[in-house]
Amino acid sequence: MAYVINEKCVACGTCVNECPVQAIAEGSPIYIIDADKCVDCGACAAVCPSEAILPG
C-alpha cells in the first residue's frame, strides 16, 4: 500500500529527492504521492521533519 502525505505537511520538499521512483510531486498546498508509482519503501517518511508521511 502506498504512503500518503497528510495535512501536517509543511511543503518543505525534503521528501522529494529521497523517493527512488519519483512518486512525490508538489501539490497545492501540500505535496502528494502518486500511489501508482510508490513502491512502499518508506524513504520519504524517514526524512519528513513534520512526520506527515504515513503508510496508506
C-alpha atoms as a PDB file:
ATOM      1  CA  MET A   1       0.000   0.000   0.000  1.00  0.00           C
ATOM      2  CA  ALA A   2       1.340   3.417  -0.964  1.00  0.00           C
ATOM      3  CA  TYR A   3       2.400   6.047   1.533  1.00  0.00           C
ATOM      4  CA  VAL A   4       0.276   9.182   1.887  1.00  0.00           C
ATOM      5  CA  ILE A   5       1.045  12.745   2.933  1.00  0.00           C
ATOM      6  CA  ASN A   6      -1.373  14.290   5.413  1.00  0.00           C
ATOM      7  CA  GLU A   7      -2.255  17.851   6.437  1.00  0.00           C
ATOM      8  CA  LYS A   8       0.801  18.084   8.714  1.00  0.00           C
ATOM      9  CA  CYS A   9       2.894  18.623   5.554  1.00  0.00           C
ATOM     10  CA  VAL A  10       4.681  21.985   5.542  1.00  0.00           C
ATOM     11  CA  ALA A  11       5.666  21.675   1.858  1.00  0.00           C
ATOM     12  CA  CYS A  12       9.390  21.801   2.627  1.00  0.00           C
ATOM     13  CA  GLY A  13      10.288  19.403  -0.210  1.00  0.00           C
ATOM     14  CA  THR A  14      12.665  17.272   1.852  1.00  0.00           C
ATOM     15  CA  CYS A  15      10.919  14.077   0.778  1.00  0.00           C
ATOM     16  CA  VAL A  16      11.077  14.688  -2.983  1.00  0.00           C
ATOM     17  CA  ASN A  17      14.740  13.825  -3.514  1.00  0.00           C
ATOM     18  CA  GLU A  18      14.515  10.775  -1.236  1.00  0.00           C
ATOM     19  CA  CYS A  19      11.966   8.986  -3.411  1.00  0.00           C
ATOM     20  CA  PRO A  20      13.755   6.423  -5.625  1.00  0.00           C
ATOM     21  CA  VAL A  21      10.863   6.281  -8.110  1.00  0.00           C
ATOM     22  CA  GLN A  22       9.961   9.998  -8.290  1.00  0.00           C
ATOM     23  CA  ALA A  23       6.459   9.391  -6.903  1.00  0.00           C
ATOM     24  CA  ILE A  24       6.275  12.662  -4.954  1.00  0.00           C
ATOM     25  CA  ALA A  25       5.170  15.906  -6.552  1.00  0.00           C
ATOM     26  CA  GLU A  26       4.393  19.410  -5.401  1.00  0.00           C
ATOM     27  CA  GLY A  27       0.691  19.853  -4.812  1.00  0.00           C
ATOM     28  CA  SER A  28      -1.448  22.679  -3.594  1.00  0.00           C
ATOM     29  CA  PRO A  29      -0.975  23.329  -0.737  1.00  0.00           C
ATOM     30  CA  ILE A  30       0.856  20.117   0.247  1.00  0.00           C
ATOM     31  CA  TYR A  31       2.961  17.551  -1.573  1.00  0.00           C
ATOM     32  CA  ILE A  32       1.294  14.424  -2.973  1.00  0.00           C
ATOM     33  CA  ILE A  33       2.399  10.839  -3.577  1.00  0.00           C
ATOM     34  CA  ASP A  34       1.382   9.043  -6.762  1.00  0.00           C
ATOM     35  CA  ALA A  35       0.067   5.723  -5.437  1.00  0.00           C
ATOM     36  CA  ASP A  36       0.688   4.027  -8.792  1.00  0.00           C
ATOM     37  CA  LYS A  37       4.413   4.860  -8.636  1.00  0.00           C
ATOM     38  CA  CYS A  38       5.011   4.409  -4.887  1.00  0.00           C
ATOM     39  CA  VAL A  39       6.952   1.220  -4.045  1.00  0.00           C
ATOM     40  CA  ASP A  40       6.257   1.460  -0.296  1.00  0.00           C
ATOM     41  CA  CYS A  41       9.922   1.840   0.664  1.00  0.00           C
ATOM     42  CA  GLY A  42       9.356   4.448   3.382  1.00  0.00           C
ATOM     43  CA  ALA A  43      12.378   6.590   2.469  1.00  0.00           C
ATOM     44  CA  CYS A  44      10.198   9.698   2.351  1.00  0.00           C
ATOM     45  CA  ALA A  45       8.657   9.074   5.753  1.00  0.00           C
ATOM     46  CA  ALA A  46      12.086   8.595   7.310  1.00  0.00           C
ATOM     47  CA  VAL A  47      13.196  12.123   6.372  1.00  0.00           C
ATOM     48  CA  CYS A  48       9.962  14.068   6.872  1.00  0.00           C
ATOM     49  CA  PRO A  49      10.591  16.682   9.594  1.00  0.00           C
ATOM     50  CA  SER A  50       6.879  17.102  10.354  1.00  0.00           C
ATOM     51  CA  GLU A  51       6.030  13.374  10.375  1.00  0.00           C
ATOM     52  CA  ALA A  52       3.380  13.997   7.719  1.00  0.00           C
ATOM     53  CA  ILE A  53       4.043  10.861   5.671  1.00  0.00           C
ATOM     54  CA  LEU A  54       2.407   7.627   6.753  1.00  0.00           C
ATOM     55  CA  PRO A  55       1.641   4.224   5.243  1.00  0.00           C
ATOM     56  CA  GLY A  56      -1.691   4.395   3.428  1.00  0.00           C
END
